[in-house]
């Protein structure tokens, strides 16, 4: 059994809306557009991303002048 904090978070806190937002972020280059497509506000989408990144301890989304995308390792 995996007792890493990220595995525990995924089992207990990861919700469908997190996954939907991540899929929409892959389709759009804007948090605003991804949040709209996921039927949430931009602040709610940004907060979800920040919460995921904090709980998992990794940067998921790279933010830049041209929009967002997967973070580079």
PDB file of N, CA and C in Angstrom:
ATOM      1  N   UNK A   1       0.839  -1.184   0.000  1.00  0.00           N
ATOM      2  CA  UNK A   1       0.000   0.000   0.000  1.00  0.00           C
ATOM      3  C   UNK A   1       0.886   1.249   0.000  1.00  0.00           C
ATOM      4  N   UNK A   2       0.587   2.182  -0.839  1.00  0.00           N
ATOM      5  CA  UNK A   2       1.387   3.392  -0.996  1.00  0.00           C
ATOM      6  C   UNK A   2       0.919   4.453  -0.006  1.00  0.00           C
ATOM      7  N   UNK A   3       1.817   4.944   0.855  1.00  0.00           N
ATOM      8  CA  UNK A   3       1.455   5.921   1.872  1.00  0.00           C
ATOM      9  C   UNK A   3       2.002   7.309   1.572  1.00  0.00           C
ATOM     10  N   UNK A   4       2.377   7.580   0.339  1.00  0.00           N
ATOM     11  CA  UNK A   4       2.861   8.908  -0.017  1.00  0.00           C
ATOM     12  C   UNK A   4       1.718   9.904   0.091  1.00  0.00           C
ATOM     13  N   UNK A   5       2.008  11.162   0.473  1.00  0.00           N
ATOM     14  CA  UNK A   5       0.950  12.168   0.580  1.00  0.00           C
ATOM     15  C   UNK A   5       0.171  12.342  -0.727  1.00  0.00           C
ATOM     16  N   UNK A   6       0.847  12.270  -1.867  1.00  0.00           N
ATOM     17  CA  UNK A   6       0.146  12.454  -3.140  1.00  0.00           C
ATOM     18  C   UNK A   6      -0.813  11.293  -3.411  1.00  0.00           C
ATOM     19  N   UNK A   7      -0.443  10.078  -3.046  1.00  0.00           N
ATOM     20  CA  UNK A   7      -1.333   8.929  -3.241  1.00  0.00           C
ATOM     21  C   UNK A   7      -2.544   9.046  -2.326  1.00  0.00           C
ATOM     22  N   UNK A   8      -2.319   9.478  -1.097  1.00  0.00           N
ATOM     23  CA  UNK A   8      -3.434   9.662  -0.165  1.00  0.00           C
ATOM     24  C   UNK A   8      -4.377  10.749  -0.670  1.00  0.00           C
ATOM     25  N   UNK A   9      -3.805  11.844  -1.168  1.00  0.00           N
ATOM     26  CA  UNK A   9      -4.625  12.921  -1.699  1.00  0.00           C
ATOM     27  C   UNK A   9      -5.474  12.421  -2.860  1.00  0.00           C
ATOM     28  N   UNK A  10      -4.869  11.669  -3.766  1.00  0.00           N
ATOM     29  CA  UNK A  10      -5.594  11.158  -4.926  1.00  0.00           C
ATOM     30  C   UNK A  10      -6.741  10.250  -4.493  1.00  0.00           C
ATOM     31  N   UNK A  11      -6.523   9.442  -3.482  1.00  0.00           N
ATOM     32  CA  UNK A  11      -7.576   8.533  -3.014  1.00  0.00           C
ATOM     33  C   UNK A  11      -8.685   9.255  -2.281  1.00  0.00           C
ATOM     34  N   UNK A  12      -8.367  10.309  -1.540  1.00  0.00           N
ATOM     35  CA  UNK A  12      -9.353  10.914  -0.656  1.00  0.00           C
ATOM     36  C   UNK A  12      -9.913  12.250  -1.124  1.00  0.00           C
ATOM     37  N   UNK A  13      -9.169  12.990  -1.941  1.00  0.00           N
ATOM     38  CA  UNK A  13      -9.585  14.348  -2.280  1.00  0.00           C
ATOM     39  C   UNK A  13      -9.770  14.632  -3.768  1.00  0.00           C
ATOM     40  N   UNK A  14      -9.180  13.825  -4.617  1.00  0.00           N
ATOM     41  CA  UNK A  14      -9.271  14.093  -6.049  1.00  0.00           C
ATOM     42  C   UNK A  14     -10.705  13.879  -6.512  1.00  0.00           C
ATOM     43  N   UNK A  15     -11.276  14.882  -7.112  1.00  0.00           N
ATOM     44  CA  UNK A  15     -12.672  14.836  -7.536  1.00  0.00           C
ATOM     45  C   UNK A  15     -12.746  14.943  -9.055  1.00  0.00           C
ATOM     46  N   UNK A  16     -13.886  14.606  -9.581  1.00  0.00           N
ATOM     47  CA  UNK A  16     -14.098  14.655 -11.023  1.00  0.00           C
ATOM     48  C   UNK A  16     -13.868  16.067 -11.557  1.00  0.00           C
ATOM     49  N   UNK A  17     -14.237  17.096 -10.798  1.00  0.00           N
ATOM     50  CA  UNK A  17     -14.048  18.472 -11.287  1.00  0.00           C
ATOM     51  C   UNK A  17     -12.581  18.816 -11.463  1.00  0.00           C
ATOM     52  N   UNK A  18     -11.693  18.233 -10.632  1.00  0.00           N
ATOM     53  CA  UNK A  18     -10.259  18.427 -10.827  1.00  0.00           C
ATOM     54  C   UNK A  18      -9.834  17.860 -12.176  1.00  0.00           C
ATOM     55  N   UNK A  19     -10.286  16.647 -12.449  1.00  0.00           N
ATOM     56  CA  UNK A  19      -9.912  15.990 -13.706  1.00  0.00           C
ATOM     57  C   UNK A  19     -10.492  16.717 -14.911  1.00  0.00           C
ATOM     58  N   UNK A  20     -11.751  17.153 -14.803  1.00  0.00           N
ATOM     59  CA  UNK A  20     -12.374  17.895 -15.899  1.00  0.00           C
ATOM     60  C   UNK A  20     -11.590  19.170 -16.187  1.00  0.00           C
ATOM     61  N   UNK A  21     -11.207  19.881 -15.140  1.00  0.00           N
ATOM     62  CA  UNK A  21     -10.441  21.113 -15.342  1.00  0.00           C
ATOM     63  C   UNK A  21      -9.094  20.828 -15.994  1.00  0.00           C
ATOM     64  N   UNK A  22      -8.416  19.767 -15.578  1.00  0.00           N
ATOM     65  CA  UNK A  22      -7.130  19.425 -16.194  1.00  0.00           C
ATOM     66  C   UNK A  22      -7.298  19.072 -17.673  1.00  0.00           C
ATOM     67  N   UNK A  23      -8.367  18.374 -18.016  1.00  0.00           N
ATOM     68  CA  UNK A  23      -8.634  18.055 -19.422  1.00  0.00           C
ATOM     69  C   UNK A  23      -8.891  19.338 -20.208  1.00  0.00           C
ATOM     70  N   UNK A  24      -9.690  20.233 -19.655  1.00  0.00           N
ATOM     71  CA  UNK A  24      -9.993  21.489 -20.341  1.00  0.00           C
ATOM     72  C   UNK A  24      -8.751  22.362 -20.465  1.00  0.00           C
ATOM     73  N   UNK A  25      -7.862  22.315 -19.489  1.00  0.00           N
ATOM     74  CA  UNK A  25      -6.610  23.068 -19.602  1.00  0.00           C
ATOM     75  C   UNK A  25      -5.746  22.527 -20.732  1.00  0.00           C
ATOM     76  N   UNK A  26      -5.830  21.241 -20.971  1.00  0.00           N
ATOM     77  CA  UNK A  26      -5.079  20.657 -22.090  1.00  0.00           C
ATOM     78  C   UNK A  26      -5.668  21.109 -23.426  1.00  0.00           C
ATOM     79  N   UNK A  27      -6.959  21.379 -23.470  1.00  0.00           N
ATOM     80  CA  UNK A  27      -7.628  21.797 -24.709  1.00  0.00           C
ATOM     81  C   UNK A  27      -7.514  23.292 -24.958  1.00  0.00           C
ATOM     82  N   UNK A  28      -7.398  24.081 -23.910  1.00  0.00           N
ATOM     83  CA  UNK A  28      -7.366  25.539 -24.018  1.00  0.00           C
ATOM     84  C   UNK A  28      -6.030  26.050 -23.488  1.00  0.00           C
ATOM     85  N   UNK A  29      -5.625  27.204 -23.927  1.00  0.00           N
ATOM     86  CA  UNK A  29      -4.378  27.788 -23.427  1.00  0.00           C
ATOM     87  C   UNK A  29      -4.649  28.905 -22.432  1.00  0.00           C
ATOM     88  N   UNK A  30      -5.838  28.910 -21.880  1.00  0.00           N
ATOM     89  CA  UNK A  30      -6.238  29.966 -20.966  1.00  0.00           C
ATOM     90  C   UNK A  30      -7.008  29.364 -19.799  1.00  0.00           C
ATOM     91  N   UNK A  31      -6.654  29.778 -18.587  1.00  0.00           N
ATOM     92  CA  UNK A  31      -7.397  29.313 -17.419  1.00  0.00           C
ATOM     93  C   UNK A  31      -8.834  29.805 -17.495  1.00  0.00           C
ATOM     94  N   UNK A  32      -9.019  31.016 -18.003  1.00  0.00           N
ATOM     95  CA  UNK A  32     -10.371  31.574 -18.132  1.00  0.00           C
ATOM     96  C   UNK A  32     -11.226  30.681 -19.028  1.00  0.00           C
ATOM     97  N   UNK A  33     -10.720  30.338 -20.212  1.00  0.00           N
ATOM     98  CA  UNK A  33     -11.488  29.511 -21.144  1.00  0.00           C
ATOM     99  C   UNK A  33     -11.670  28.085 -20.629  1.00  0.00           C
ATOM    100  N   UNK A  34     -10.651  27.546 -20.000  1.00  0.00           N
ATOM    101  CA  UNK A  34     -10.759  26.197 -19.445  1.00  0.00           C
ATOM    102  C   UNK A  34     -11.784  26.158 -18.320  1.00  0.00           C
ATOM    103  N   UNK A  35     -11.773  27.169 -17.475  1.00  0.00           N
ATOM    104  CA  UNK A  35     -12.743  27.225 -16.379  1.00  0.00           C
ATOM    105  C   UNK A  35     -14.164  27.365 -16.924  1.00  0.00           C
ATOM    106  N   UNK A  36     -14.348  28.194 -17.932  1.00  0.00           N
ATOM    107  CA  UNK A  36     -15.673  28.319 -18.550  1.00  0.00           C
ATOM    108  C   UNK A  36     -16.135  26.989 -19.121  1.00  0.00           C
ATOM    109  N   UNK A  37     -15.252  26.298 -19.809  1.00  0.00           N
ATOM    110  CA  UNK A  37     -15.597  25.005 -20.397  1.00  0.00           C
ATOM    111  C   UNK A  37     -15.914  23.975 -19.311  1.00  0.00           C
ATOM    112  N   UNK A  38     -15.281  24.098 -18.152  1.00  0.00           N
ATOM    113  CA  UNK A  38     -15.526  23.194 -17.034  1.00  0.00           C
ATOM    114  C   UNK A  38     -16.694  23.665 -16.170  1.00  0.00           C
ATOM    115  N   UNK A  39     -17.329  24.763 -16.594  1.00  0.00           N
ATOM    116  CA  UNK A  39     -18.485  25.347 -15.907  1.00  0.00           C
ATOM    117  C   UNK A  39     -18.168  25.775 -14.477  1.00  0.00           C
ATOM    118  N   UNK A  40     -17.079  26.555 -14.381  1.00  0.00           N
ATOM    119  CA  UNK A  40     -16.709  27.155 -13.104  1.00  0.00           C
ATOM    120  C   UNK A  40     -16.121  28.526 -13.389  1.00  0.00           C
ATOM    121  N   UNK A  41     -15.944  29.312 -12.358  1.00  0.00           N
ATOM    122  CA  UNK A  41     -15.363  30.639 -12.536  1.00  0.00           C
ATOM    123  C   UNK A  41     -13.842  30.520 -12.630  1.00  0.00           C
ATOM    124  N   UNK A  42     -13.217  31.554 -13.151  1.00  0.00           N
ATOM    125  CA  UNK A  42     -11.756  31.570 -13.253  1.00  0.00           C
ATOM    126  C   UNK A  42     -11.099  31.494 -11.882  1.00  0.00           C
ATOM    127  N   UNK A  43     -11.581  32.253 -10.872  1.00  0.00           N
ATOM    128  CA  UNK A  43     -10.950  32.123  -9.553  1.00  0.00           C
ATOM    129  C   UNK A  43     -11.078  30.703  -8.974  1.00  0.00           C
ATOM    130  N   UNK A  44     -12.209  30.057  -9.197  1.00  0.00           N
ATOM    131  CA  UNK A  44     -12.385  28.686  -8.709  1.00  0.00           C
ATOM    132  C   UNK A  44     -11.421  27.743  -9.428  1.00  0.00           C
ATOM    133  N   UNK A  45     -11.248  27.921 -10.732  1.00  0.00           N
ATOM    134  CA  UNK A  45     -10.317  27.094 -11.493  1.00  0.00           C
ATOM    135  C   UNK A  45      -8.888  27.295 -11.041  1.00  0.00           C
ATOM    136  N   UNK A  46      -8.489  28.542 -10.843  1.00  0.00           N
ATOM    137  CA  UNK A  46      -7.139  28.833 -10.370  1.00  0.00           C
ATOM    138  C   UNK A  46      -6.906  28.237  -8.989  1.00  0.00           C
ATOM    139  N   UNK A  47      -7.902  28.326  -8.135  1.00  0.00           N
ATOM    140  CA  UNK A  47      -7.785  27.778  -6.791  1.00  0.00           C
ATOM    141  C   UNK A  47      -7.646  26.250  -6.828  1.00  0.00           C
ATOM    142  N   UNK A  48      -8.428  25.600  -7.690  1.00  0.00           N
ATOM    143  CA  UNK A  48      -8.324  24.142  -7.826  1.00  0.00           C
ATOM    144  C   UNK A  48      -6.917  23.726  -8.271  1.00  0.00           C
ATOM    145  N   UNK A  49      -6.391  24.447  -9.244  1.00  0.00           N
ATOM    146  CA  UNK A  49      -5.038  24.143  -9.733  1.00  0.00           C
ATOM    147  C   UNK A  49      -4.015  24.339  -8.623  1.00  0.00           C
ATOM    148  N   UNK A  50      -4.108  25.453  -7.916  1.00  0.00           N
ATOM    149  CA  UNK A  50      -3.177  25.731  -6.824  1.00  0.00           C
ATOM    150  C   UNK A  50      -3.276  24.679  -5.731  1.00  0.00           C
ATOM    151  N   UNK A  51      -4.487  24.278  -5.384  1.00  0.00           N
ATOM    152  CA  UNK A  51      -4.678  23.248  -4.364  1.00  0.00           C
ATOM    153  C   UNK A  51      -4.061  21.927  -4.797  1.00  0.00           C
ATOM    154  N   UNK A  52      -4.290  21.549  -6.056  1.00  0.00           N
ATOM    155  CA  UNK A  52      -3.702  20.309  -6.566  1.00  0.00           C
ATOM    156  C   UNK A  52      -2.182  20.364  -6.515  1.00  0.00           C
ATOM    157  N   UNK A  53      -1.619  21.467  -6.990  1.00  0.00           N
ATOM    158  CA  UNK A  53      -0.168  21.608  -7.002  1.00  0.00           C
ATOM    159  C   UNK A  53       0.403  21.556  -5.585  1.00  0.00           C
ATOM    160  N   UNK A  54      -0.262  22.222  -4.663  1.00  0.00           N
ATOM    161  CA  UNK A  54       0.214  22.246  -3.279  1.00  0.00           C
ATOM    162  C   UNK A  54       0.133  20.857  -2.647  1.00  0.00           C
ATOM    163  N   UNK A  55      -0.995  20.201  -2.787  1.00  0.00           N
ATOM    164  CA  UNK A  55      -1.183  18.894  -2.162  1.00  0.00           C
ATOM    165  C   UNK A  55      -0.285  17.816  -2.772  1.00  0.00           C
ATOM    166  N   UNK A  56      -0.089  17.872  -4.083  1.00  0.00           N
ATOM    167  CA  UNK A  56       0.742  16.876  -4.743  1.00  0.00           C
ATOM    168  C   UNK A  56       2.226  17.195  -4.648  1.00  0.00           C
ATOM    169  N   UNK A  57       2.554  18.468  -4.359  1.00  0.00           N
ATOM    170  CA  UNK A  57       3.942  18.867  -4.219  1.00  0.00           C
ATOM    171  C   UNK A  57       4.679  18.999  -5.538  1.00  0.00           C
ATOM    172  N   UNK A  58       3.940  19.177  -6.627  1.00  0.00           N
ATOM    173  CA  UNK A  58       4.543  19.356  -7.951  1.00  0.00           C
ATOM    174  C   UNK A  58       3.833  20.483  -8.673  1.00  0.00           C
ATOM    175  N   UNK A  59       4.542  21.082  -9.588  1.00  0.00           N
ATOM    176  CA  UNK A  59       3.940  22.117 -10.413  1.00  0.00           C
ATOM    177  C   UNK A  59       3.332  21.444 -11.640  1.00  0.00           C
ATOM    178  N   UNK A  60       2.022  21.573 -11.800  1.00  0.00           N
ATOM    179  CA  UNK A  60       1.316  20.934 -12.906  1.00  0.00           C
ATOM    180  C   UNK A  60       1.195  21.829 -14.123  1.00  0.00           C
ATOM    181  N   UNK A  61       0.967  23.115 -13.880  1.00  0.00           N
ATOM    182  CA  UNK A  61       0.659  24.051 -14.948  1.00  0.00           C
ATOM    183  C   UNK A  61       1.728  25.132 -15.006  1.00  0.00           C
ATOM    184  N   UNK A  62       2.297  25.323 -16.196  1.00  0.00           N
ATOM    185  CA  UNK A  62       3.218  26.424 -16.426  1.00  0.00           C
ATOM    186  C   UNK A  62       2.435  27.628 -16.902  1.00  0.00           C
ATOM    187  N   UNK A  63       2.644  28.732 -16.264  1.00  0.00           N
ATOM    188  CA  UNK A  63       1.923  29.953 -16.608  1.00  0.00           C
ATOM    189  C   UNK A  63       2.896  30.896 -17.319  1.00  0.00           C
ATOM    190  N   UNK A  64       2.428  31.483 -18.400  1.00  0.00           N
ATOM    191  CA  UNK A  64       3.291  32.389 -19.137  1.00  0.00           C
ATOM    192  C   UNK A  64       2.482  33.439 -19.874  1.00  0.00           C
ATOM    193  N   UNK A  65       3.167  34.302 -20.595  1.00  0.00           N
ATOM    194  CA  UNK A  65       2.511  35.389 -21.318  1.00  0.00           C
ATOM    195  C   UNK A  65       1.595  34.868 -22.413  1.00  0.00           C
ATOM    196  N   UNK A  66       1.865  33.683 -22.933  1.00  0.00           N
ATOM    197  CA  UNK A  66       1.064  33.129 -24.018  1.00  0.00           C
ATOM    198  C   UNK A  66       0.020  32.132 -23.543  1.00  0.00           C
ATOM    199  N   UNK A  67      -0.223  32.094 -22.244  1.00  0.00           N
ATOM    200  CA  UNK A  67      -1.235  31.185 -21.709  1.00  0.00           C
ATOM    201  C   UNK A  67      -0.639  30.162 -20.774  1.00  0.00           C
ATOM    202  N   UNK A  68      -1.356  29.064 -20.633  1.00  0.00           N
ATOM    203  CA  UNK A  68      -0.920  28.005 -19.734  1.00  0.00           C
ATOM    204  C   UNK A  68      -0.673  26.724 -20.512  1.00  0.00           C
ATOM    205  N   UNK A  69       0.088  25.849 -19.897  1.00  0.00           N
ATOM    206  CA  UNK A  69       0.376  24.546 -20.486  1.00  0.00           C
ATOM    207  C   UNK A  69       1.015  23.667 -19.438  1.00  0.00           C
ATOM    208  N   UNK A  70       1.329  22.455 -19.774  1.00  0.00           N
ATOM    209  CA  UNK A  70       1.979  21.579 -18.804  1.00  0.00           C
ATOM    210  C   UNK A  70       3.302  22.184 -18.330  1.00  0.00           C
ATOM    211  N   UNK A  71       3.559  22.051 -17.054  1.00  0.00           N
ATOM    212  CA  UNK A  71       4.814  22.566 -16.493  1.00  0.00           C
ATOM    213  C   UNK A  71       5.975  21.746 -17.011  1.00  0.00           C
ATOM    214  N   UNK A  72       7.082  22.393 -17.198  1.00  0.00           N
ATOM    215  CA  UNK A  72       8.287  21.692 -17.663  1.00  0.00           C
ATOM    216  C   UNK A  72       9.046  21.171 -16.462  1.00  0.00           C
ATOM    217  N   UNK A  73       9.585  20.000 -16.635  1.00  0.00           N
ATOM    218  CA  UNK A  73      10.340  19.369 -15.543  1.00  0.00           C
ATOM    219  C   UNK A  73      11.696  19.985 -15.368  1.00  0.00           C
TER     220      UNK A  73
END
